[in-house]
Amino acid sequence: PEGADLAVGLFGLLPGGRIQVYARTA
């Protein structure tokens, strides 16, 4: 999700026990 304010990362994380949220803008 390029262009998002917050990106929810799934690739490289699932099927593990967590996901990550990345801030893309101020």
mmCIF file of all heavy atoms, coordinates in Angstrom:
data_MODEL
# 
_entry.id   MODEL 
# 
loop_
_atom_site.group_PDB 
_atom_site.id 
_atom_site.type_symbol 
_atom_site.label_atom_id 
_atom_site.label_alt_id 
_atom_site.label_comp_id 
_atom_site.label_asym_id 
_atom_site.label_entity_id 
_atom_site.label_seq_id 
_atom_site.pdbx_PDB_ins_code 
_atom_site.Cartn_x 
_atom_site.Cartn_y 
_atom_site.Cartn_z 
_atom_site.occupancy 
_atom_site.B_iso_or_equiv 
_atom_site.pdbx_formal_charge 
_atom_site.auth_seq_id 
_atom_site.auth_comp_id 
_atom_site.auth_asym_id 
_atom_site.auth_atom_id 
_atom_site.pdbx_PDB_model_num 
ATOM 1   N N   . PRO A 1 1  ? 0.789  -1.239  0.000  1.00 0.00 ? 1  PRO A N   1 
ATOM 2   C CA  . PRO A 1 1  ? 0.000  0.000   0.000  1.00 0.00 ? 1  PRO A CA  1 
ATOM 3   C C   . PRO A 1 1  ? 0.817  1.283   0.000  1.00 0.00 ? 1  PRO A C   1 
ATOM 4   O O   . PRO A 1 1  ? 0.836  2.035   0.986  1.00 0.00 ? 1  PRO A O   1 
ATOM 5   C CB  . PRO A 1 1  ? -0.836 -0.135  1.277  1.00 0.00 ? 1  PRO A CB  1 
ATOM 6   C CG  . PRO A 1 1  ? 0.042  -0.910  2.210  1.00 0.00 ? 1  PRO A CG  1 
ATOM 7   C CD  . PRO A 1 1  ? 0.784  -1.886  1.336  1.00 0.00 ? 1  PRO A CD  1 
ATOM 8   N N   . GLU A 1 2  ? 1.474  1.569   -1.115 1.00 0.00 ? 2  GLU A N   1 
ATOM 9   C CA  . GLU A 1 2  ? 2.177  2.849   -1.241 1.00 0.00 ? 2  GLU A CA  1 
ATOM 10  C C   . GLU A 1 2  ? 1.114  3.952   -1.305 1.00 0.00 ? 2  GLU A C   1 
ATOM 11  O O   . GLU A 1 2  ? 0.081  3.799   -1.939 1.00 0.00 ? 2  GLU A O   1 
ATOM 12  C CB  . GLU A 1 2  ? 3.037  2.859   -2.496 1.00 0.00 ? 2  GLU A CB  1 
ATOM 13  C CG  . GLU A 1 2  ? 3.957  1.651   -2.636 1.00 0.00 ? 2  GLU A CG  1 
ATOM 14  C CD  . GLU A 1 2  ? 4.852  1.447   -1.422 1.00 0.00 ? 2  GLU A CD  1 
ATOM 15  O OE1 . GLU A 1 2  ? 5.377  2.451   -0.889 1.00 0.00 ? 2  GLU A OE1 1 
ATOM 16  O OE2 . GLU A 1 2  ? 5.016  0.282   -1.013 1.00 0.00 ? 2  GLU A OE2 1 
ATOM 17  N N   . GLY A 1 3  ? 1.366  5.068   -0.674 1.00 0.00 ? 3  GLY A N   1 
ATOM 18  C CA  . GLY A 1 3  ? 0.399  6.163   -0.667 1.00 0.00 ? 3  GLY A CA  1 
ATOM 19  C C   . GLY A 1 3  ? -0.519 6.163   0.532  1.00 0.00 ? 3  GLY A C   1 
ATOM 20  O O   . GLY A 1 3  ? -1.332 7.074   0.686  1.00 0.00 ? 3  GLY A O   1 
ATOM 21  N N   . ALA A 1 4  ? -0.393 5.145   1.401  1.00 0.00 ? 4  ALA A N   1 
ATOM 22  C CA  . ALA A 1 4  ? -1.210 5.100   2.608  1.00 0.00 ? 4  ALA A CA  1 
ATOM 23  C C   . ALA A 1 4  ? -0.567 5.907   3.719  1.00 0.00 ? 4  ALA A C   1 
ATOM 24  O O   . ALA A 1 4  ? 0.651  6.105   3.740  1.00 0.00 ? 4  ALA A O   1 
ATOM 25  C CB  . ALA A 1 4  ? -1.404 3.657   3.062  1.00 0.00 ? 4  ALA A CB  1 
ATOM 26  N N   . ASP A 1 5  ? -1.372 6.361   4.672  1.00 0.00 ? 5  ASP A N   1 
ATOM 27  C CA  . ASP A 1 5  ? -0.839 7.004   5.878  1.00 0.00 ? 5  ASP A CA  1 
ATOM 28  C C   . ASP A 1 5  ? -0.293 5.937   6.831  1.00 0.00 ? 5  ASP A C   1 
ATOM 29  O O   . ASP A 1 5  ? 0.762  6.106   7.434  1.00 0.00 ? 5  ASP A O   1 
ATOM 30  C CB  . ASP A 1 5  ? -1.925 7.814   6.578  1.00 0.00 ? 5  ASP A CB  1 
ATOM 31  C CG  . ASP A 1 5  ? -2.420 8.968   5.724  1.00 0.00 ? 5  ASP A CG  1 
ATOM 32  O OD1 . ASP A 1 5  ? -1.642 9.912   5.512  1.00 0.00 ? 5  ASP A OD1 1 
ATOM 33  O OD2 . ASP A 1 5  ? -3.573 8.922   5.268  1.00 0.00 ? 5  ASP A OD2 1 
ATOM 34  N N   . LEU A 1 6  ? -1.052 4.848   6.955  1.00 0.00 ? 6  LEU A N   1 
ATOM 35  C CA  . LEU A 1 6  ? -0.619 3.689   7.736  1.00 0.00 ? 6  LEU A CA  1 
ATOM 36  C C   . LEU A 1 6  ? -0.690 2.465   6.847  1.00 0.00 ? 6  LEU A C   1 
ATOM 37  O O   . LEU A 1 6  ? -1.690 2.249   6.154  1.00 0.00 ? 6  LEU A O   1 
ATOM 38  C CB  . LEU A 1 6  ? -1.519 3.480   8.960  1.00 0.00 ? 6  LEU A CB  1 
ATOM 39  C CG  . LEU A 1 6  ? -1.441 4.494   10.098 1.00 0.00 ? 6  LEU A CG  1 
ATOM 40  C CD1 . LEU A 1 6  ? -2.463 4.139   11.179 1.00 0.00 ? 6  LEU A CD1 1 
ATOM 41  C CD2 . LEU A 1 6  ? -0.037 4.536   10.704 1.00 0.00 ? 6  LEU A CD2 1 
ATOM 42  N N   . ALA A 1 7  ? 0.366  1.665   6.859  1.00 0.00 ? 7  ALA A N   1 
ATOM 43  C CA  . ALA A 1 7  ? 0.399  0.442   6.064  1.00 0.00 ? 7  ALA A CA  1 
ATOM 44  C C   . ALA A 1 7  ? 0.419  -0.764  6.992  1.00 0.00 ? 7  ALA A C   1 
ATOM 45  O O   . ALA A 1 7  ? 1.212  -0.818  7.934  1.00 0.00 ? 7  ALA A O   1 
ATOM 46  C CB  . ALA A 1 7  ? 1.630  0.429   5.158  1.00 0.00 ? 7  ALA A CB  1 
ATOM 47  N N   . VAL A 1 8  ? -0.447 -1.719  6.741  1.00 0.00 ? 8  VAL A N   1 
ATOM 48  C CA  . VAL A 1 8  ? -0.493 -2.956  7.519  1.00 0.00 ? 8  VAL A CA  1 
ATOM 49  C C   . VAL A 1 8  ? 0.319  -4.009  6.779  1.00 0.00 ? 8  VAL A C   1 
ATOM 50  O O   . VAL A 1 8  ? -0.029 -4.407  5.663  1.00 0.00 ? 8  VAL A O   1 
ATOM 51  C CB  . VAL A 1 8  ? -1.948 -3.440  7.711  1.00 0.00 ? 8  VAL A CB  1 
ATOM 52  C CG1 . VAL A 1 8  ? -1.970 -4.752  8.484  1.00 0.00 ? 8  VAL A CG1 1 
ATOM 53  C CG2 . VAL A 1 8  ? -2.764 -2.381  8.438  1.00 0.00 ? 8  VAL A CG2 1 
ATOM 54  N N   . GLY A 1 9  ? 1.414  -4.433  7.384  1.00 0.00 ? 9  GLY A N   1 
ATOM 55  C CA  . GLY A 1 9  ? 2.306  -5.394  6.753  1.00 0.00 ? 9  GLY A CA  1 
ATOM 56  C C   . GLY A 1 9  ? 1.923  -6.829  7.061  1.00 0.00 ? 9  GLY A C   1 
ATOM 57  O O   . GLY A 1 9  ? 1.787  -7.207  8.233  1.00 0.00 ? 9  GLY A O   1 
ATOM 58  N N   . LEU A 1 10 ? 1.744  -7.638  6.007  1.00 0.00 ? 10 LEU A N   1 
ATOM 59  C CA  . LEU A 1 10 ? 1.412  -9.051  6.139  1.00 0.00 ? 10 LEU A CA  1 
ATOM 60  C C   . LEU A 1 10 ? 2.492  -9.942  5.533  1.00 0.00 ? 10 LEU A C   1 
ATOM 61  O O   . LEU A 1 10 ? 2.819  -10.994 6.081  1.00 0.00 ? 10 LEU A O   1 
ATOM 62  C CB  . LEU A 1 10 ? 0.071  -9.355  5.437  1.00 0.00 ? 10 LEU A CB  1 
ATOM 63  C CG  . LEU A 1 10 ? -1.127 -8.459  5.791  1.00 0.00 ? 10 LEU A CG  1 
ATOM 64  C CD1 . LEU A 1 10 ? -2.331 -8.869  4.949  1.00 0.00 ? 10 LEU A CD1 1 
ATOM 65  C CD2 . LEU A 1 10 ? -1.449 -8.559  7.272  1.00 0.00 ? 10 LEU A CD2 1 
ATOM 66  N N   . PHE A 1 11 ? 3.038  -9.527  4.401  1.00 0.00 ? 11 PHE A N   1 
ATOM 67  C CA  . PHE A 1 11 ? 4.048  -10.333 3.720  1.00 0.00 ? 11 PHE A CA  1 
ATOM 68  C C   . PHE A 1 11 ? 5.286  -10.464 4.603  1.00 0.00 ? 11 PHE A C   1 
ATOM 69  O O   . PHE A 1 11 ? 5.776  -9.495  5.176  1.00 0.00 ? 11 PHE A O   1 
ATOM 70  C CB  . PHE A 1 11 ? 4.444  -9.701  2.378  1.00 0.00 ? 11 PHE A CB  1 
ATOM 71  C CG  . PHE A 1 11 ? 3.306  -9.610  1.394  1.00 0.00 ? 11 PHE A CG  1 
ATOM 72  C CD1 . PHE A 1 11 ? 3.025  -8.421  0.751  1.00 0.00 ? 11 PHE A CD1 1 
ATOM 73  C CD2 . PHE A 1 11 ? 2.521  -10.710 1.122  1.00 0.00 ? 11 PHE A CD2 1 
ATOM 74  C CE1 . PHE A 1 11 ? 1.987  -8.328  -0.163 1.00 0.00 ? 11 PHE A CE1 1 
ATOM 75  C CE2 . PHE A 1 11 ? 1.472  -10.642 0.214  1.00 0.00 ? 11 PHE A CE2 1 
ATOM 76  C CZ  . PHE A 1 11 ? 1.208  -9.440  -0.432 1.00 0.00 ? 11 PHE A CZ  1 
ATOM 77  N N   . GLY A 1 12 ? 5.788  -11.690 4.699  1.00 0.00 ? 12 GLY A N   1 
ATOM 78  C CA  . GLY A 1 12 ? 6.965  -11.945 5.522  1.00 0.00 ? 12 GLY A CA  1 
ATOM 79  C C   . GLY A 1 12 ? 6.651  -12.050 6.999  1.00 0.00 ? 12 GLY A C   1 
ATOM 80  O O   . GLY A 1 12 ? 7.546  -12.313 7.802  1.00 0.00 ? 12 GLY A O   1 
ATOM 81  N N   . LEU A 1 13 ? 5.397  -11.850 7.377  1.00 0.00 ? 13 LEU A N   1 
ATOM 82  C CA  . LEU A 1 13 ? 4.980  -11.930 8.787  1.00 0.00 ? 13 LEU A CA  1 
ATOM 83  C C   . LEU A 1 13 ? 3.996  -13.082 9.007  1.00 0.00 ? 13 LEU A C   1 
ATOM 84  O O   . LEU A 1 13 ? 4.126  -13.837 9.967  1.00 0.00 ? 13 LEU A O   1 
ATOM 85  C CB  . LEU A 1 13 ? 4.352  -10.615 9.223  1.00 0.00 ? 13 LEU A CB  1 
ATOM 86  C CG  . LEU A 1 13 ? 5.347  -9.458  9.348  1.00 0.00 ? 13 LEU A CG  1 
ATOM 87  C CD1 . LEU A 1 13 ? 4.804  -8.207  8.693  1.00 0.00 ? 13 LEU A CD1 1 
ATOM 88  C CD2 . LEU A 1 13 ? 5.658  -9.184  10.809 1.00 0.00 ? 13 LEU A CD2 1 
ATOM 89  N N   . LEU A 1 14 ? 2.998  -13.192 8.157  1.00 0.00 ? 14 LEU A N   1 
ATOM 90  C CA  . LEU A 1 14 ? 2.069  -14.316 8.245  1.00 0.00 ? 14 LEU A CA  1 
ATOM 91  C C   . LEU A 1 14 ? 2.723  -15.562 7.661  1.00 0.00 ? 14 LEU A C   1 
ATOM 92  O O   . LEU A 1 14 ? 3.528  -15.471 6.734  1.00 0.00 ? 14 LEU A O   1 
ATOM 93  C CB  . LEU A 1 14 ? 0.779  -13.989 7.487  1.00 0.00 ? 14 LEU A CB  1 
ATOM 94  C CG  . LEU A 1 14 ? -0.066 -12.851 8.068  1.00 0.00 ? 14 LEU A CG  1 
ATOM 95  C CD1 . LEU A 1 14 ? -1.328 -12.667 7.232  1.00 0.00 ? 14 LEU A CD1 1 
ATOM 96  C CD2 . LEU A 1 14 ? -0.440 -13.109 9.522  1.00 0.00 ? 14 LEU A CD2 1 
ATOM 97  N N   . PRO A 1 15 ? 2.398  -16.754 8.219  1.00 0.00 ? 15 PRO A N   1 
ATOM 98  C CA  . PRO A 1 15 ? 1.378  -17.070 9.215  1.00 0.00 ? 15 PRO A CA  1 
ATOM 99  C C   . PRO A 1 15 ? 1.874  -17.029 10.656 1.00 0.00 ? 15 PRO A C   1 
ATOM 100 O O   . PRO A 1 15 ? 1.438  -17.834 11.487 1.00 0.00 ? 15 PRO A O   1 
ATOM 101 C CB  . PRO A 1 15 ? 0.970  -18.493 8.821  1.00 0.00 ? 15 PRO A CB  1 
ATOM 102 C CG  . PRO A 1 15 ? 2.254  -19.092 8.305  1.00 0.00 ? 15 PRO A CG  1 
ATOM 103 C CD  . PRO A 1 15 ? 3.004  -17.973 7.658  1.00 0.00 ? 15 PRO A CD  1 
ATOM 104 N N   . GLY A 1 16 ? 2.757  -16.097 10.972 1.00 0.00 ? 16 GLY A N   1 
ATOM 105 C CA  . GLY A 1 16 ? 3.253  -15.967 12.338 1.00 0.00 ? 16 GLY A CA  1 
ATOM 106 C C   . GLY A 1 16 ? 2.220  -15.360 13.270 1.00 0.00 ? 16 GLY A C   1 
ATOM 107 O O   . GLY A 1 16 ? 1.062  -15.158 12.901 1.00 0.00 ? 16 GLY A O   1 
ATOM 108 N N   . GLY A 1 17 ? 2.638  -15.016 14.457 1.00 0.00 ? 17 GLY A N   1 
ATOM 109 C CA  . GLY A 1 17 ? 1.715  -14.552 15.473 1.00 0.00 ? 17 GLY A CA  1 
ATOM 110 C C   . GLY A 1 17 ? 1.559  -13.057 15.546 1.00 0.00 ? 17 GLY A C   1 
ATOM 111 O O   . GLY A 1 17 ? 0.954  -12.539 16.503 1.00 0.00 ? 17 GLY A O   1 
ATOM 112 N N   . ARG A 1 18 ? 2.067  -12.323 14.546 1.00 0.00 ? 18 ARG A N   1 
ATOM 113 C CA  . ARG A 1 18 ? 1.956  -10.867 14.591 1.00 0.00 ? 18 ARG A CA  1 
ATOM 114 C C   . ARG A 1 18 ? 1.912  -10.288 13.191 1.00 0.00 ? 18 ARG A C   1 
ATOM 115 O O   . ARG A 1 18 ? 2.284  -10.949 12.207 1.00 0.00 ? 18 ARG A O   1 
ATOM 116 C CB  . ARG A 1 18 ? 3.147  -10.266 15.344 1.00 0.00 ? 18 ARG A CB  1 
ATOM 117 C CG  . ARG A 1 18 ? 4.462  -10.449 14.625 1.00 0.00 ? 18 ARG A CG  1 
ATOM 118 C CD  . ARG A 1 18 ? 5.673  -10.057 15.443 1.00 0.00 ? 18 ARG A CD  1 
ATOM 119 N NE  . ARG A 1 18 ? 6.901  -10.403 14.723 1.00 0.00 ? 18 ARG A NE  1 
ATOM 120 C CZ  . ARG A 1 18 ? 7.644  -9.541  14.024 1.00 0.00 ? 18 ARG A CZ  1 
ATOM 121 N NH1 . ARG A 1 18 ? 7.275  -8.270  13.966 1.00 0.00 ? 18 ARG A NH1 1 
ATOM 122 N NH2 . ARG A 1 18 ? 8.730  -9.934  13.415 1.00 0.00 ? 18 ARG A NH2 1 
ATOM 123 N N   . ILE A 1 19 ? 1.424  -9.072  13.111 1.00 0.00 ? 19 ILE A N   1 
ATOM 124 C CA  . ILE A 1 19 ? 1.534  -8.257  11.911 1.00 0.00 ? 19 ILE A CA  1 
ATOM 125 C C   . ILE A 1 19 ? 2.210  -6.962  12.328 1.00 0.00 ? 19 ILE A C   1 
ATOM 126 O O   . ILE A 1 19 ? 2.455  -6.739  13.514 1.00 0.00 ? 19 ILE A O   1 
ATOM 127 C CB  . ILE A 1 19 ? 0.154  -7.982  11.271 1.00 0.00 ? 19 ILE A CB  1 
ATOM 128 C CG1 . ILE A 1 19 ? -0.774 -7.294  12.276 1.00 0.00 ? 19 ILE A CG1 1 
ATOM 129 C CG2 . ILE A 1 19 ? -0.449 -9.267  10.754 1.00 0.00 ? 19 ILE A CG2 1 
ATOM 130 C CD1 . ILE A 1 19 ? -2.116 -6.899  11.688 1.00 0.00 ? 19 ILE A CD1 1 
ATOM 131 N N   . GLN A 1 20 ? 2.518  -6.106  11.382 1.00 0.00 ? 20 GLN A N   1 
ATOM 132 C CA  . GLN A 1 20 ? 3.122  -4.817  11.715 1.00 0.00 ? 20 GLN A CA  1 
ATOM 133 C C   . GLN A 1 20 ? 2.373  -3.693  11.031 1.00 0.00 ? 20 GLN A C   1 
ATOM 134 O O   . GLN A 1 20 ? 1.776  -3.863  9.968  1.00 0.00 ? 20 GLN A O   1 
ATOM 135 C CB  . GLN A 1 20 ? 4.605  -4.787  11.298 1.00 0.00 ? 20 GLN A CB  1 
ATOM 136 C CG  . GLN A 1 20 ? 5.504  -5.637  12.179 1.00 0.00 ? 20 GLN A CG  1 
ATOM 137 C CD  . GLN A 1 20 ? 6.978  -5.374  11.932 1.00 0.00 ? 20 GLN A CD  1 
ATOM 138 O OE1 . GLN A 1 20 ? 7.407  -5.167  10.799 1.00 0.00 ? 20 GLN A OE1 1 
ATOM 139 N NE2 . GLN A 1 20 ? 7.761  -5.379  12.996 1.00 0.00 ? 20 GLN A NE2 1 
ATOM 140 N N   . VAL A 1 21 ? 2.403  -2.527  11.696 1.00 0.00 ? 21 VAL A N   1 
ATOM 141 C CA  . VAL A 1 21 ? 1.822  -1.321  11.126 1.00 0.00 ? 21 VAL A CA  1 
ATOM 142 C C   . VAL A 1 21 ? 2.944  -0.317  10.916 1.00 0.00 ? 21 VAL A C   1 
ATOM 143 O O   . VAL A 1 21 ? 3.749  -0.075  11.829 1.00 0.00 ? 21 VAL A O   1 
ATOM 144 C CB  . VAL A 1 21 ? 0.745  -0.725  12.050 1.00 0.00 ? 21 VAL A CB  1 
ATOM 145 C CG1 . VAL A 1 21 ? 0.170  0.553   11.447 1.00 0.00 ? 21 VAL A CG1 1 
ATOM 146 C CG2 . VAL A 1 21 ? -0.371 -1.735  12.292 1.00 0.00 ? 21 VAL A CG2 1 
ATOM 147 N N   . TYR A 1 22 ? 3.009  0.252   9.722  1.00 0.00 ? 22 TYR A N   1 
ATOM 148 C CA  . TYR A 1 22 ? 4.076  1.181   9.364  1.00 0.00 ? 22 TYR A CA  1 
ATOM 149 C C   . TYR A 1 22 ? 3.477  2.568   9.105  1.00 0.00 ? 22 TYR A C   1 
ATOM 150 O O   . TYR A 1 22 ? 2.504  2.699   8.366  1.00 0.00 ? 22 TYR A O   1 
ATOM 151 C CB  . TYR A 1 22 ? 4.805  0.727   8.096  1.00 0.00 ? 22 TYR A CB  1 
ATOM 152 C CG  . TYR A 1 22 ? 5.282  -0.700  8.123  1.00 0.00 ? 22 TYR A CG  1 
ATOM 153 C CD1 . TYR A 1 22 ? 4.473  -1.727  7.633  1.00 0.00 ? 22 TYR A CD1 1 
ATOM 154 C CD2 . TYR A 1 22 ? 6.529  -1.032  8.624  1.00 0.00 ? 22 TYR A CD2 1 
ATOM 155 C CE1 . TYR A 1 22 ? 4.894  -3.037  7.654  1.00 0.00 ? 22 TYR A CE1 1 
ATOM 156 C CE2 . TYR A 1 22 ? 6.967  -2.354  8.638  1.00 0.00 ? 22 TYR A CE2 1 
ATOM 157 C CZ  . TYR A 1 22 ? 6.143  -3.350  8.151  1.00 0.00 ? 22 TYR A CZ  1 
ATOM 158 O OH  . TYR A 1 22 ? 6.566  -4.655  8.165  1.00 0.00 ? 22 TYR A OH  1 
ATOM 159 N N   . ALA A 1 23 ? 4.050  3.594   9.701  1.00 0.00 ? 23 ALA A N   1 
ATOM 160 C CA  . ALA A 1 23 ? 3.640  4.969   9.422  1.00 0.00 ? 23 ALA A CA  1 
ATOM 161 C C   . ALA A 1 23 ? 4.347  5.438   8.158  1.00 0.00 ? 23 ALA A C   1 
ATOM 162 O O   . ALA A 1 23 ? 5.565  5.357   8.060  1.00 0.00 ? 23 ALA A O   1 
ATOM 163 C CB  . ALA A 1 23 ? 3.988  5.880   10.588 1.00 0.00 ? 23 ALA A CB  1 
ATOM 164 N N   . ARG A 1 24 ? 3.553  5.922   7.185  1.00 0.00 ? 24 ARG A N   1 
ATOM 165 C CA  . ARG A 1 24 ? 4.116  6.350   5.905  1.00 0.00 ? 24 ARG A CA  1 
ATOM 166 C C   . ARG A 1 24 ? 4.092  7.860   5.710  1.00 0.00 ? 24 ARG A C   1 
ATOM 167 O O   . ARG A 1 24 ? 4.724  8.379   4.787  1.00 0.00 ? 24 ARG A O   1 
ATOM 168 C CB  . ARG A 1 24 ? 3.354  5.686   4.755  1.00 0.00 ? 24 ARG A CB  1 
ATOM 169 C CG  . ARG A 1 24 ? 3.456  4.163   4.713  1.00 0.00 ? 24 ARG A CG  1 
ATOM 170 C CD  . ARG A 1 24 ? 4.882  3.714   4.585  1.00 0.00 ? 24 ARG A CD  1 
ATOM 171 N NE  . ARG A 1 24 ? 5.004  2.315   4.213  1.00 0.00 ? 24 ARG A NE  1 
ATOM 172 C CZ  . ARG A 1 24 ? 6.095  1.593   4.416  1.00 0.00 ? 24 ARG A CZ  1 
ATOM 173 N NH1 . ARG A 1 24 ? 7.155  2.153   4.996  1.00 0.00 ? 24 ARG A NH1 1 
ATOM 174 N NH2 . ARG A 1 24 ? 6.136  0.333   4.045  1.00 0.00 ? 24 ARG A NH2 1 
ATOM 175 N N   . THR A 1 25 ? 3.360  8.557   6.565  1.00 0.00 ? 25 THR A N   1 
ATOM 176 C CA  . THR A 1 25 ? 3.274  10.016  6.471  1.00 0.00 ? 25 THR A CA  1 
ATOM 177 C C   . THR A 1 25 ? 3.387  10.602  7.872  1.00 0.00 ? 25 THR A C   1 
ATOM 178 O O   . THR A 1 25 ? 3.310  9.875   8.871  1.00 0.00 ? 25 THR A O   1 
ATOM 179 C CB  . THR A 1 25 ? 1.928  10.454  5.858  1.00 0.00 ? 25 THR A CB  1 
ATOM 180 O OG1 . THR A 1 25 ? 0.861  10.051  6.734  1.00 0.00 ? 25 THR A OG1 1 
ATOM 181 C CG2 . THR A 1 25 ? 1.717  9.844   4.482  1.00 0.00 ? 25 THR A CG2 1 
ATOM 182 N N   . ALA A 1 26 ? 3.540  11.913  7.932  1.00 0.00 ? 26 ALA A N   1 
ATOM 183 C CA  . ALA A 1 26 ? 3.602  12.576  9.238  1.00 0.00 ? 26 ALA A CA  1 
ATOM 184 C C   . ALA A 1 26 ? 2.300  12.358  10.004 1.00 0.00 ? 26 ALA A C   1 
ATOM 185 O O   . ALA A 1 26 ? 2.304  12.132  11.214 1.00 0.00 ? 26 ALA A O   1 
ATOM 186 C CB  . ALA A 1 26 ? 3.865  14.072  9.052  1.00 0.00 ? 26 ALA A CB  1 
# 
